[in-house]
Amino acid sequence: HYPDAEGILQPQEMAFDFSEPSPGAIFFETGAFSEGSIS
């Protein structure tokens, strides 16, 4: 929710599906992870 010119919060939405981690991501058993630049 970003504020507009009058300071009123307006929603911005995004959505997608995925079925595997990205090439730049590694996960651990607690759910901790890092995802980012591979170079």
All heavy atoms as atom14 arrays in JSON, in Angstrom:
{
  "sequence": "HYPDAEGILQPQEMAFDFSEPSPGAIFFETGAFSEGSIS",
  "atom14_mask": [
    [1, 1, 1, 1, 1, 1, 1, 1, 1, 1, 0, 0, 0, 0],
    [1, 1, 1, 1, 1, 1, 1, 1, 1, 1, 1, 1, 0, 0],
    [1, 1, 1, 1, 1, 1, 1, 0, 0, 0, 0, 0, 0, 0],
    [1, 1, 1, 1, 1, 1, 1, 1, 0, 0, 0, 0, 0, 0],
    [1, 1, 1, 1, 1, 0, 0, 0, 0, 0, 0, 0, 0, 0],
    [1, 1, 1, 1, 1, 1, 1, 1, 1, 0, 0, 0, 0, 0],
    [1, 1, 1, 1, 0, 0, 0, 0, 0, 0, 0, 0, 0, 0],
    [1, 1, 1, 1, 1, 1, 1, 1, 0, 0, 0, 0, 0, 0],
    [1, 1, 1, 1, 1, 1, 1, 1, 0, 0, 0, 0, 0, 0],
    [1, 1, 1, 1, 1, 1, 1, 1, 1, 0, 0, 0, 0, 0],
    [1, 1, 1, 1, 1, 1, 1, 0, 0, 0, 0, 0, 0, 0],
    [1, 1, 1, 1, 1, 1, 1, 1, 1, 0, 0, 0, 0, 0],
    [1, 1, 1, 1, 1, 1, 1, 1, 1, 0, 0, 0, 0, 0],
    [1, 1, 1, 1, 1, 1, 1, 1, 0, 0, 0, 0, 0, 0],
    [1, 1, 1, 1, 1, 0, 0, 0, 0, 0, 0, 0, 0, 0],
    [1, 1, 1, 1, 1, 1, 1, 1, 1, 1, 1, 0, 0, 0],
    [1, 1, 1, 1, 1, 1, 1, 1, 0, 0, 0, 0, 0, 0],
    [1, 1, 1, 1, 1, 1, 1, 1, 1, 1, 1, 0, 0, 0],
    [1, 1, 1, 1, 1, 1, 0, 0, 0, 0, 0, 0, 0, 0],
    [1, 1, 1, 1, 1, 1, 1, 1, 1, 0, 0, 0, 0, 0],
    [1, 1, 1, 1, 1, 1, 1, 0, 0, 0, 0, 0, 0, 0],
    [1, 1, 1, 1, 1, 1, 0, 0, 0, 0, 0, 0, 0, 0],
    [1, 1, 1, 1, 1, 1, 1, 0, 0, 0, 0, 0, 0, 0],
    [1, 1, 1, 1, 0, 0, 0, 0, 0, 0, 0, 0, 0, 0],
    [1, 1, 1, 1, 1, 0, 0, 0, 0, 0, 0, 0, 0, 0],
    [1, 1, 1, 1, 1, 1, 1, 1, 0, 0, 0, 0, 0, 0],
    [1, 1, 1, 1, 1, 1, 1, 1, 1, 1, 1, 0, 0, 0],
    [1, 1, 1, 1, 1, 1, 1, 1, 1, 1, 1, 0, 0, 0],
    [1, 1, 1, 1, 1, 1, 1, 1, 1, 0, 0, 0, 0, 0],
    [1, 1, 1, 1, 1, 1, 1, 0, 0, 0, 0, 0, 0, 0],
    [1, 1, 1, 1, 0, 0, 0, 0, 0, 0, 0, 0, 0, 0],
    [1, 1, 1, 1, 1, 0, 0, 0, 0, 0, 0, 0, 0, 0],
    [1, 1, 1, 1, 1, 1, 1, 1, 1, 1, 1, 0, 0, 0],
    [1, 1, 1, 1, 1, 1, 0, 0, 0, 0, 0, 0, 0, 0],
    [1, 1, 1, 1, 1, 1, 1, 1, 1, 0, 0, 0, 0, 0],
    [1, 1, 1, 1, 0, 0, 0, 0, 0, 0, 0, 0, 0, 0],
    [1, 1, 1, 1, 1, 1, 0, 0, 0, 0, 0, 0, 0, 0],
    [1, 1, 1, 1, 1, 1, 1, 1, 0, 0, 0, 0, 0, 0],
    [1, 1, 1, 1, 1, 1, 0, 0, 0, 0, 0, 0, 0, 0]
  ],
  "atom14_positions": [
    [[0.84, -1.19, 0.0], [0.0, 0.0, 0.0], [0.88, 1.25, 0.0], [1.55, 1.54, 0.99], [-0.94, 0.0, 1.21], [-1.98, -1.09, 1.16], [-1.71, -2.38, 1.56], [-3.27, -1.06, 0.76], [-2.8, -3.12, 1.4], [-3.76, -2.35, 0.93], [0.0, 0.0, 0.0], [0.0, 0.0, 0.0], [0.0, 0.0, 0.0], [0.0, 0.0, 0.0]],
    [[0.87, 1.96, -1.14], [1.67, 3.17, -1.3], [0.77, 4.4, -1.17], [-0.37, 4.41, -1.66], [2.35, 3.19, -2.66], [3.42, 2.15, -2.83], [3.12, 0.87, -3.31], [4.74, 2.43, -2.52], [4.11, -0.09, -3.46], [5.75, 1.48, -2.68], [5.42, 0.22, -3.15], [6.4, -0.72, -3.3], [0.0, 0.0, 0.0], [0.0, 0.0, 0.0]],
    [[1.25, 5.47, -0.54], [0.44, 6.7, -0.44], [0.37, 7.42, -1.79], [1.37, 7.51, -2.51], [1.2, 7.53, 0.6], [2.61, 7.04, 0.53], [2.54, 5.59, 0.18], [0.0, 0.0, 0.0], [0.0, 0.0, 0.0], [0.0, 0.0, 0.0], [0.0, 0.0, 0.0], [0.0, 0.0, 0.0], [0.0, 0.0, 0.0], [0.0, 0.0, 0.0]],
    [[-0.83, 7.92, -2.12], [-0.97, 8.71, -3.33], [-0.62, 10.18, -3.02], [-0.11, 10.49, -1.94], [-2.37, 8.58, -3.93], [-3.48, 9.04, -2.98], [-3.19, 9.78, -2.01], [-4.65, 8.68, -3.22], [0.0, 0.0, 0.0], [0.0, 0.0, 0.0], [0.0, 0.0, 0.0], [0.0, 0.0, 0.0], [0.0, 0.0, 0.0], [0.0, 0.0, 0.0]],
    [[-0.91, 11.08, -3.97], [-0.55, 12.48, -3.8], [-1.22, 13.12, -2.6], [-0.71, 14.09, -2.03], [-0.9, 13.25, -5.07], [0.0, 0.0, 0.0], [0.0, 0.0, 0.0], [0.0, 0.0, 0.0], [0.0, 0.0, 0.0], [0.0, 0.0, 0.0], [0.0, 0.0, 0.0], [0.0, 0.0, 0.0], [0.0, 0.0, 0.0], [0.0, 0.0, 0.0]],
    [[-2.35, 12.56, -2.16], [-3.08, 13.08, -1.01], [-2.77, 12.31, 0.27], [-3.4, 12.56, 1.3], [-4.58, 13.06, -1.3], [-4.99, 13.96, -2.48], [-6.47, 13.88, -2.76], [-7.15, 13.01, -2.17], [-6.94, 14.69, -3.58], [0.0, 0.0, 0.0], [0.0, 0.0, 0.0], [0.0, 0.0, 0.0], [0.0, 0.0, 0.0], [0.0, 0.0, 0.0]],
    [[-1.83, 11.39, 0.18], [-1.45, 10.63, 1.36], [-2.34, 9.45, 1.66], [-2.2, 8.81, 2.72], [0.0, 0.0, 0.0], [0.0, 0.0, 0.0], [0.0, 0.0, 0.0], [0.0, 0.0, 0.0], [0.0, 0.0, 0.0], [0.0, 0.0, 0.0], [0.0, 0.0, 0.0], [0.0, 0.0, 0.0], [0.0, 0.0, 0.0], [0.0, 0.0, 0.0]],
    [[-3.26, 9.12, 0.77], [-4.17, 7.99, 0.96], [-3.51, 6.73, 0.42], [-3.02, 6.71, -0.72], [-5.51, 8.24, 0.26], [-6.19, 9.49, 0.84], [-6.44, 7.02, 0.42], [-7.43, 9.91, 0.09], [0.0, 0.0, 0.0], [0.0, 0.0, 0.0], [0.0, 0.0, 0.0], [0.0, 0.0, 0.0], [0.0, 0.0, 0.0], [0.0, 0.0, 0.0]],
    [[-3.47, 5.68, 1.22], [-2.82, 4.45, 0.81], [-3.6, 3.75, -0.3], [-4.81, 3.54, -0.19], [-2.66, 3.5, 2.0], [-1.7, 3.97, 3.12], [-1.68, 2.95, 4.24], [-0.3, 4.21, 2.58], [0.0, 0.0, 0.0], [0.0, 0.0, 0.0], [0.0, 0.0, 0.0], [0.0, 0.0, 0.0], [0.0, 0.0, 0.0], [0.0, 0.0, 0.0]],
    [[-2.88, 3.39, -1.36], [-3.48, 2.7, -2.49], [-2.76, 1.37, -2.72], [-1.52, 1.32, -2.69], [-3.37, 3.55, -3.76], [-4.03, 4.92, -3.67], [-5.55, 4.83, -3.58], [-6.14, 3.79, -3.91], [-6.19, 5.89, -3.1], [0.0, 0.0, 0.0], [0.0, 0.0, 0.0], [0.0, 0.0, 0.0], [0.0, 0.0, 0.0], [0.0, 0.0, 0.0]],
    [[-3.51, 0.28, -2.92], [-2.87, -1.03, -3.07], [-2.23, -1.21, -4.44], [-2.76, -0.77, -5.46], [-4.03, -2.01, -2.89], [-5.24, -1.25, -3.33], [-4.99, 0.18, -2.94], [0.0, 0.0, 0.0], [0.0, 0.0, 0.0], [0.0, 0.0, 0.0], [0.0, 0.0, 0.0], [0.0, 0.0, 0.0], [0.0, 0.0, 0.0], [0.0, 0.0, 0.0]],
    [[-1.07, -1.85, -4.45], [-0.44, -2.32, -5.68], [-0.2, -3.82, -5.51], [0.38, -4.24, -4.51], [0.87, -1.58, -5.95], [0.69, -0.12, -6.29], [1.99, 0.53, -6.72], [3.0, -0.15, -6.96], [1.99, 1.85, -6.81], [0.0, 0.0, 0.0], [0.0, 0.0, 0.0], [0.0, 0.0, 0.0], [0.0, 0.0, 0.0], [0.0, 0.0, 0.0]],
    [[-0.63, -4.59, -6.49], [-0.62, -6.04, -6.35], [0.23, -6.7, -7.42], [0.37, -6.18, -8.52], [-2.05, -6.58, -6.41], [-2.97, -6.03, -5.32], [-4.38, -6.56, -5.43], [-4.7, -7.19, -6.46], [-5.17, -6.34, -4.49], [0.0, 0.0, 0.0], [0.0, 0.0, 0.0], [0.0, 0.0, 0.0], [0.0, 0.0, 0.0], [0.0, 0.0, 0.0]],
    [[0.8, -7.84, -7.05], [1.49, -8.69, -8.0], [1.27, -10.14, -7.59], [1.02, -10.43, -6.41], [2.99, -8.38, -8.05], [3.73, -8.61, -6.73], [5.52, -8.4, -6.84], [5.97, -9.82, -7.82], [0.0, 0.0, 0.0], [0.0, 0.0, 0.0], [0.0, 0.0, 0.0], [0.0, 0.0, 0.0], [0.0, 0.0, 0.0], [0.0, 0.0, 0.0]],
    [[1.32, -11.06, -8.55], [1.12, -12.48, -8.24], [1.78, -13.33, -9.32], [1.86, -12.93, -10.49], [-0.37, -12.81, -8.16], [0.0, 0.0, 0.0], [0.0, 0.0, 0.0], [0.0, 0.0, 0.0], [0.0, 0.0, 0.0], [0.0, 0.0, 0.0], [0.0, 0.0, 0.0], [0.0, 0.0, 0.0], [0.0, 0.0, 0.0], [0.0, 0.0, 0.0]],
    [[2.27, -14.5, -8.9], [2.83, -15.46, -9.85], [2.92, -16.81, -9.17], [2.86, -16.92, -7.94], [4.2, -15.01, -10.38], [5.24, -14.8, -9.31], [6.05, -15.85, -8.87], [5.43, -13.55, -8.74], [7.01, -15.66, -7.9], [6.4, -13.34, -7.76], [7.19, -14.41, -7.34], [0.0, 0.0, 0.0], [0.0, 0.0, 0.0], [0.0, 0.0, 0.0]],
    [[3.11, -17.86, -9.98], [3.3, -19.22, -9.47], [4.74, -19.65, -9.73], [5.37, -19.22, -10.71], [2.36, -20.19, -10.18], [0.9, -19.99, -9.78], [0.62, -19.1, -8.96], [0.04, -20.71, -10.32], [0.0, 0.0, 0.0], [0.0, 0.0, 0.0], [0.0, 0.0, 0.0], [0.0, 0.0, 0.0], [0.0, 0.0, 0.0], [0.0, 0.0, 0.0]],
    [[5.28, -20.49, -8.85], [6.59, -21.08, -9.09], [6.63, -22.47, -8.5], [5.89, -22.79, -7.56], [7.71, -20.19, -8.54], [7.72, -20.04, -7.03], [8.58, -20.81, -6.25], [6.89, -19.12, -6.4], [8.6, -20.67, -4.86], [6.91, -18.97, -5.02], [7.77, -19.75, -4.25], [0.0, 0.0, 0.0], [0.0, 0.0, 0.0], [0.0, 0.0, 0.0]],
    [[7.5, -23.32, -9.05], [7.57, -24.72, -8.62], [8.98, -25.17, -8.29], [9.22, -26.37, -8.08], [6.97, -25.63, -9.71], [7.65, -25.44, -10.93], [0.0, 0.0, 0.0], [0.0, 0.0, 0.0], [0.0, 0.0, 0.0], [0.0, 0.0, 0.0], [0.0, 0.0, 0.0], [0.0, 0.0, 0.0], [0.0, 0.0, 0.0], [0.0, 0.0, 0.0]],
    [[9.93, -24.23, -8.24], [11.29, -24.54, -7.82], [11.98, -23.24, -7.43], [11.58, -22.16, -7.88], [12.07, -25.24, -8.94], [12.19, -24.42, -10.21], [12.91, -25.18, -11.31], [13.27, -26.35, -11.08], [13.11, -24.6, -12.38], [0.0, 0.0, 0.0], [0.0, 0.0, 0.0], [0.0, 0.0, 0.0], [0.0, 0.0, 0.0], [0.0, 0.0, 0.0]],
    [[13.02, -23.29, -6.61], [13.75, -22.08, -6.27], [14.43, -21.51, -7.51], [14.73, -22.23, -8.46], [14.79, -22.56, -5.24], [14.3, -23.88, -4.77], [13.54, -24.48, -5.9], [0.0, 0.0, 0.0], [0.0, 0.0, 0.0], [0.0, 0.0, 0.0], [0.0, 0.0, 0.0], [0.0, 0.0, 0.0], [0.0, 0.0, 0.0], [0.0, 0.0, 0.0]],
    [[14.69, -20.22, -7.5], [15.4, -19.59, -8.61], [16.86, -20.02, -8.59], [17.38, -20.5, -7.55], [15.31, -18.07, -8.5], [16.19, -17.59, -7.5], [0.0, 0.0, 0.0], [0.0, 0.0, 0.0], [0.0, 0.0, 0.0], [0.0, 0.0, 0.0], [0.0, 0.0, 0.0], [0.0, 0.0, 0.0], [0.0, 0.0, 0.0], [0.0, 0.0, 0.0]],
    [[17.6, -19.87, -9.7], [19.02, -20.26, -9.71], [19.87, -19.51, -8.7], [20.93, -19.99, -8.31], [19.44, -19.94, -11.16], [18.19, -19.95, -11.95], [17.13, -19.45, -11.03], [0.0, 0.0, 0.0], [0.0, 0.0, 0.0], [0.0, 0.0, 0.0], [0.0, 0.0, 0.0], [0.0, 0.0, 0.0], [0.0, 0.0, 0.0], [0.0, 0.0, 0.0]],
    [[19.4, -18.33, -8.27], [20.17, -17.54, -7.32], [19.78, -17.76, -5.87], [20.19, -16.97, -5.0], [0.0, 0.0, 0.0], [0.0, 0.0, 0.0], [0.0, 0.0, 0.0], [0.0, 0.0, 0.0], [0.0, 0.0, 0.0], [0.0, 0.0, 0.0], [0.0, 0.0, 0.0], [0.0, 0.0, 0.0], [0.0, 0.0, 0.0], [0.0, 0.0, 0.0]],
    [[19.0, -18.82, -5.6], [18.47, -19.04, -4.24], [18.94, -20.35, -3.65], [19.09, -21.35, -4.35], [16.94, -19.0, -4.26], [0.0, 0.0, 0.0], [0.0, 0.0, 0.0], [0.0, 0.0, 0.0], [0.0, 0.0, 0.0], [0.0, 0.0, 0.0], [0.0, 0.0, 0.0], [0.0, 0.0, 0.0], [0.0, 0.0, 0.0], [0.0, 0.0, 0.0]],
    [[19.15, -20.35, -2.34], [19.38, -21.56, -1.55], [18.56, -21.43, -0.27], [18.51, -20.36, 0.34], [20.87, -21.76, -1.22], [21.66, -22.15, -2.47], [21.05, -22.83, -0.15], [23.16, -22.31, -2.23], [0.0, 0.0, 0.0], [0.0, 0.0, 0.0], [0.0, 0.0, 0.0], [0.0, 0.0, 0.0], [0.0, 0.0, 0.0], [0.0, 0.0, 0.0]],
    [[17.91, -22.54, 0.13], [17.07, -22.58, 1.31], [17.65, -23.54, 2.34], [18.39, -24.47, 2.01], [15.65, -23.04, 0.95], [14.82, -21.99, 0.25], [15.08, -21.63, -1.07], [13.78, -21.36, 0.91], [14.33, -20.67, -1.71], [13.01, -20.41, 0.27], [13.29, -20.06, -1.04], [0.0, 0.0, 0.0], [0.0, 0.0, 0.0], [0.0, 0.0, 0.0]],
    [[17.25, -23.3, 3.61], [17.66, -24.17, 4.72], [16.41, -24.72, 5.4], [15.29, -24.29, 5.13], [18.54, -23.41, 5.7], [19.87, -23.02, 5.1], [20.03, -21.8, 4.45], [20.95, -23.88, 5.15], [21.24, -21.44, 3.88], [22.17, -23.54, 4.59], [22.31, -22.32, 3.94], [0.0, 0.0, 0.0], [0.0, 0.0, 0.0], [0.0, 0.0, 0.0]],
    [[16.61, -25.67, 6.31], [15.49, -26.45, 6.85], [14.52, -25.63, 7.67], [13.36, -25.99, 7.83], [16.02, -27.65, 7.65], [16.77, -28.64, 6.77], [16.85, -30.02, 7.39], [16.27, -30.24, 8.46], [17.49, -30.9, 6.78], [0.0, 0.0, 0.0], [0.0, 0.0, 0.0], [0.0, 0.0, 0.0], [0.0, 0.0, 0.0], [0.0, 0.0, 0.0]],
    [[14.95, -24.5, 8.26], [14.04, -23.64, 9.02], [13.15, -22.81, 8.11], [12.22, -22.16, 8.58], [14.84, -22.68, 9.91], [15.63, -21.81, 9.07], [15.73, -23.42, 10.87], [0.0, 0.0, 0.0], [0.0, 0.0, 0.0], [0.0, 0.0, 0.0], [0.0, 0.0, 0.0], [0.0, 0.0, 0.0], [0.0, 0.0, 0.0], [0.0, 0.0, 0.0]],
    [[13.45, -22.79, 6.81], [12.79, -21.87, 5.88], [13.64, -20.66, 5.55], [13.31, -19.88, 4.66], [0.0, 0.0, 0.0], [0.0, 0.0, 0.0], [0.0, 0.0, 0.0], [0.0, 0.0, 0.0], [0.0, 0.0, 0.0], [0.0, 0.0, 0.0], [0.0, 0.0, 0.0], [0.0, 0.0, 0.0], [0.0, 0.0, 0.0], [0.0, 0.0, 0.0]],
    [[14.76, -20.48, 6.27], [15.67, -19.38, 5.97], [16.23, -19.56, 4.56], [16.43, -20.67, 4.09], [16.81, -19.34, 6.98], [0.0, 0.0, 0.0], [0.0, 0.0, 0.0], [0.0, 0.0, 0.0], [0.0, 0.0, 0.0], [0.0, 0.0, 0.0], [0.0, 0.0, 0.0], [0.0, 0.0, 0.0], [0.0, 0.0, 0.0], [0.0, 0.0, 0.0]],
    [[16.49, -18.42, 3.9], [17.03, -18.51, 2.54], [17.71, -17.2, 2.15], [17.57, -16.17, 2.81], [15.93, -18.83, 1.52], [14.91, -17.73, 1.31], [15.1, -16.74, 0.34], [13.74, -17.68, 2.06], [14.15, -15.75, 0.14], [12.79, -16.69, 1.86], [13.0, -15.72, 0.91], [0.0, 0.0, 0.0], [0.0, 0.0, 0.0], [0.0, 0.0, 0.0]],
    [[18.43, -17.26, 1.05], [18.93, -16.07, 0.39], [18.75, -16.24, -1.11], [18.99, -17.34, -1.64], [20.4, -15.81, 0.71], [20.88, -14.68, 0.0], [0.0, 0.0, 0.0], [0.0, 0.0, 0.0], [0.0, 0.0, 0.0], [0.0, 0.0, 0.0], [0.0, 0.0, 0.0], [0.0, 0.0, 0.0], [0.0, 0.0, 0.0], [0.0, 0.0, 0.0]],
    [[18.33, -15.17, -1.76], [18.12, -15.18, -3.21], [18.7, -13.89, -3.77], [18.45, -12.81, -3.23], [16.63, -15.27, -3.53], [16.32, -15.25, -5.01], [14.83, -15.43, -5.29], [14.04, -15.29, -4.35], [14.49, -15.71, -6.45], [0.0, 0.0, 0.0], [0.0, 0.0, 0.0], [0.0, 0.0, 0.0], [0.0, 0.0, 0.0], [0.0, 0.0, 0.0]],
    [[19.48, -13.99, -4.82], [20.07, -12.77, -5.36], [20.96, -13.0, -6.55], [20.86, -14.03, -7.23], [0.0, 0.0, 0.0], [0.0, 0.0, 0.0], [0.0, 0.0, 0.0], [0.0, 0.0, 0.0], [0.0, 0.0, 0.0], [0.0, 0.0, 0.0], [0.0, 0.0, 0.0], [0.0, 0.0, 0.0], [0.0, 0.0, 0.0], [0.0, 0.0, 0.0]],
    [[21.86, -12.05, -6.76], [22.76, -12.09, -7.92], [23.64, -13.33, -7.86], [24.2, -13.66, -6.81], [23.64, -10.85, -7.93], [22.86, -9.66, -7.89], [0.0, 0.0, 0.0], [0.0, 0.0, 0.0], [0.0, 0.0, 0.0], [0.0, 0.0, 0.0], [0.0, 0.0, 0.0], [0.0, 0.0, 0.0], [0.0, 0.0, 0.0], [0.0, 0.0, 0.0]],
    [[23.78, -14.02, -9.0], [24.7, -15.16, -9.07], [26.09, -14.7, -9.48], [27.06, -15.44, -9.34], [24.18, -16.26, -10.01], [24.0, -15.73, -11.43], [22.87, -16.83, -9.49], [23.64, -16.82, -12.44], [0.0, 0.0, 0.0], [0.0, 0.0, 0.0], [0.0, 0.0, 0.0], [0.0, 0.0, 0.0], [0.0, 0.0, 0.0], [0.0, 0.0, 0.0]],
    [[26.19, -13.47, -9.98], [27.5, -12.88, -10.26], [27.37, -11.37, -10.2], [26.29, -10.82, -10.44], [28.02, -13.31, -11.64], [27.17, -12.84, -12.67], [0.0, 0.0, 0.0], [0.0, 0.0, 0.0], [0.0, 0.0, 0.0], [0.0, 0.0, 0.0], [0.0, 0.0, 0.0], [0.0, 0.0, 0.0], [0.0, 0.0, 0.0], [0.0, 0.0, 0.0]]
  ]
}
